[in-house]
């Protein structure tokens, strides 16, 4: 079953969800009202939503695969660009040419200065940049609370997450 076989009201609900994603603060009550307006039995409504979830999940997987392919193509293009620049630099240097102008492009070498660290241990402390990211270790805290009970600074919370298979 796909979205085209779903009831009209479920398709309207799907469209409302798509539109709500474009706005800040999704109006959940409007979605519930639309679902309740559907005269199908609850199990039929939820079955249709299950199909909608399955289709959306497949769409997400397809997007992820496409994203991987585009990332690979982007990397290939970057490597090609780098190789072409190396080729041009090699040709110009082998001919002892610093500048070359064609009908469409100008080629030249630009001088720049880069800092290269020879021995990190010898760099004075005033030139060392320290970056620290602090975050609580949730796994260790969870184990501590399970072993010692609730604390004033953290607690375990029971949550429900909807599983659709």
Protein backbone atom coordinates (compact mmCIF):
# COMPACT_ATOMS: atom_id res chain seq x y z
CA UNK A 1 0.00 0.00 0.00
CA UNK A 2 1.26 3.50 -0.73
CA UNK A 3 0.06 7.02 -0.02
CA UNK A 4 -2.16 7.02 -3.11
CA UNK A 5 -4.17 4.12 -1.73
CA UNK A 6 -4.73 5.76 1.66
CA UNK A 7 -7.99 7.46 2.52
CA UNK A 8 -8.39 11.08 1.48
CA UNK A 9 -8.35 12.31 5.09
CA UNK A 10 -5.04 10.60 5.81
CA UNK A 11 -3.56 12.23 2.70
CA UNK A 12 -4.81 15.61 3.96
CA UNK A 13 -3.17 14.84 7.33
CA UNK A 14 0.09 14.01 5.57
CA UNK A 15 -0.04 17.27 3.63
CA UNK A 16 -0.73 19.20 6.86
CA UNK A 17 2.32 17.62 8.49
CA UNK A 18 4.48 18.56 5.48
CA UNK A 19 3.21 22.17 5.63
CA UNK A 20 3.63 22.36 9.42
CA UNK A 21 7.32 21.51 9.06
CA UNK A 22 7.81 24.76 7.19
CA UNK A 23 6.37 26.79 10.05
CA UNK A 24 7.68 27.31 13.57
CA UNK A 25 5.76 25.37 16.24
CA UNK A 26 3.71 22.62 14.65
CA UNK A 27 0.01 22.86 15.60
CA UNK A 28 -0.57 19.34 16.92
CA UNK A 29 -4.22 20.03 17.76
CA UNK A 30 -5.04 20.79 14.11
CA UNK A 31 -3.51 17.44 13.15
CA UNK A 32 -5.53 15.64 15.84
CA UNK A 33 -8.72 17.39 14.70
CA UNK A 34 -8.10 16.27 11.13
CA UNK A 35 -7.51 12.71 12.29
CA UNK A 36 -10.70 12.74 14.38
CA UNK A 37 -12.71 14.11 11.43
CA UNK A 38 -11.86 10.93 9.56
CA UNK A 39 -14.87 8.65 10.02
CA UNK A 40 -12.87 5.43 9.75
CA UNK A 41 -12.47 3.22 12.81
CA UNK A 42 -9.44 3.92 15.01
CA UNK A 43 -7.64 0.76 13.88
CA UNK A 44 -8.14 1.75 10.21
CA UNK A 45 -6.86 5.28 10.90
CA UNK A 46 -3.78 3.99 12.71
CA UNK A 47 -3.20 1.33 10.06
CA UNK A 48 -3.21 4.06 7.40
CA UNK A 49 -0.83 6.17 9.48
CA UNK A 50 1.39 3.08 9.84
CA UNK A 51 1.58 2.84 6.05
CA UNK A 52 2.36 6.54 5.90
CA UNK A 53 5.16 6.05 8.45
CA UNK A 54 6.55 3.11 6.47
CA UNK A 55 6.53 5.14 3.26
CA UNK A 56 8.18 8.10 4.99
CA UNK A 57 10.83 5.79 6.43
CA UNK A 58 11.59 4.45 2.94
CA UNK A 59 11.83 8.01 1.63
CA UNK A 60 14.32 8.89 4.41
CA UNK A 61 16.45 5.86 3.52
CA UNK A 62 16.41 6.86 -0.15
CA UNK A 63 17.49 10.40 0.75
CA UNK A 64 20.32 9.04 2.90
CA UNK A 65 21.54 6.85 0.04
CA UNK A 66 21.35 9.76 -2.36
CA UNK A 67 23.25 11.91 0.14
CA UNK A 68 26.03 9.28 0.28
CA UNK A 69 26.25 9.20 -3.52
CA UNK A 70 26.42 13.00 -3.73
CA UNK A 71 29.09 13.10 -1.03
CA UNK A 72 31.18 10.58 -2.98
CA UNK A 73 30.72 12.58 -6.19
CA UNK A 74 31.70 15.78 -4.36
CA UNK A 75 34.90 14.13 -3.08
CA UNK A 76 35.72 12.89 -6.58
CA UNK A 77 35.23 16.39 -7.98
CA UNK A 78 37.46 17.89 -5.27
CA UNK A 79 40.21 15.36 -6.03
CA UNK A 80 39.90 16.08 -9.75
CA UNK A 81 40.15 19.81 -9.10
CA UNK A 82 43.26 19.26 -6.97
CA UNK A 83 44.90 17.06 -9.65
CA UNK A 84 44.13 19.60 -12.38
CA UNK A 85 45.67 22.41 -10.30
CA UNK A 86 48.75 20.25 -9.68
CA UNK A 87 49.00 19.59 -13.42
CA UNK A 88 48.80 23.30 -14.28
CA UNK A 89 51.38 24.14 -11.58
CA UNK A 90 53.73 21.42 -12.83
CA UNK A 91 53.44 22.60 -16.46
CA UNK A 92 54.02 26.25 -15.53
CA UNK A 93 56.96 25.44 -13.25
CA UNK A 94 58.55 23.10 -15.80
CA UNK A 95 58.47 26.00 -18.31
CA UNK A 96 59.68 28.49 -15.64
CA UNK A 97 56.52 30.57 -16.12
CA UNK A 98 54.99 32.44 -13.16
CA UNK A 99 52.06 33.94 -15.10
CA UNK A 100 50.14 32.85 -18.14
CA UNK A 101 47.09 34.38 -19.75
CA UNK A 102 44.81 32.47 -22.12
CA UNK A 103 41.67 33.65 -23.89
CA UNK A 104 39.49 32.60 -20.95
CA UNK A 105 41.75 32.17 -17.90
CA UNK A 106 44.67 33.76 -16.11
CA UNK A 107 47.13 31.52 -14.30
CA UNK A 108 49.59 32.80 -11.72
CA UNK A 109 51.28 31.78 -8.51
CA UNK A 110 50.42 33.68 -5.38
CA UNK A 111 52.89 33.80 -2.53
CA UNK A 112 51.65 33.11 0.99
CA UNK A 113 53.16 32.40 4.36
CA UNK A 114 52.19 29.42 6.50
CA UNK A 115 53.32 28.62 10.02
CA UNK A 116 54.86 25.18 10.39
CA UNK A 117 55.42 23.82 13.91
CA UNK A 118 58.71 21.97 14.12
CA UNK A 119 58.46 20.76 17.71
CA UNK A 120 55.19 21.15 19.64
CA UNK A 121 56.85 20.59 23.03
CA UNK A 122 59.06 23.67 22.54
CA UNK A 123 56.18 26.06 21.77
CA UNK A 124 55.70 28.53 24.67
CA UNK A 125 52.49 28.10 26.67
CA UNK A 126 51.21 31.52 25.62
CA UNK A 127 50.87 30.19 22.05
CA UNK A 128 48.98 27.03 23.00
CA UNK A 129 45.23 27.13 22.56
CA UNK A 130 43.29 24.77 24.78
CA UNK A 131 39.77 23.74 23.92
CA UNK A 132 37.75 21.87 26.50
CA UNK A 133 34.22 20.65 26.04
CA UNK A 134 32.49 19.57 29.20
CA UNK A 135 29.46 17.32 29.11
CA UNK A 136 27.96 15.00 31.70
CA UNK A 137 28.61 11.30 31.15
CA UNK A 138 24.98 10.15 31.06
CA UNK A 139 25.81 6.44 31.06
CA UNK A 140 27.94 6.68 34.21
CA UNK A 141 25.31 8.87 35.92
CA UNK A 142 22.58 6.37 35.04
CA UNK A 143 24.62 3.50 36.51
CA UNK A 144 25.38 5.55 39.64
CA UNK A 145 21.70 6.33 40.22
CA UNK A 146 20.73 2.70 39.66
CA UNK A 147 23.28 1.67 42.27
CA UNK A 148 22.84 4.50 44.83
CA UNK A 149 19.35 5.88 44.19
CA UNK A 150 18.18 9.34 43.10
CA UNK A 151 20.37 12.37 43.68
CA UNK A 152 19.60 16.07 43.98
CA UNK A 153 21.39 16.76 40.71
CA UNK A 154 20.04 14.00 38.44
CA UNK A 155 17.25 11.46 38.23
CA UNK A 156 16.13 8.62 35.99
CA UNK A 157 13.05 9.28 33.91
CA UNK A 158 10.84 6.61 32.37
CA UNK A 159 9.97 7.43 28.79
CA UNK A 160 7.87 5.86 26.10
CA UNK A 161 8.92 5.79 22.52
CA UNK A 162 6.63 4.66 19.77
CA UNK A 163 7.91 1.68 17.80
CA UNK A 164 6.48 1.03 14.37
CA UNK A 165 7.40 -2.22 12.64
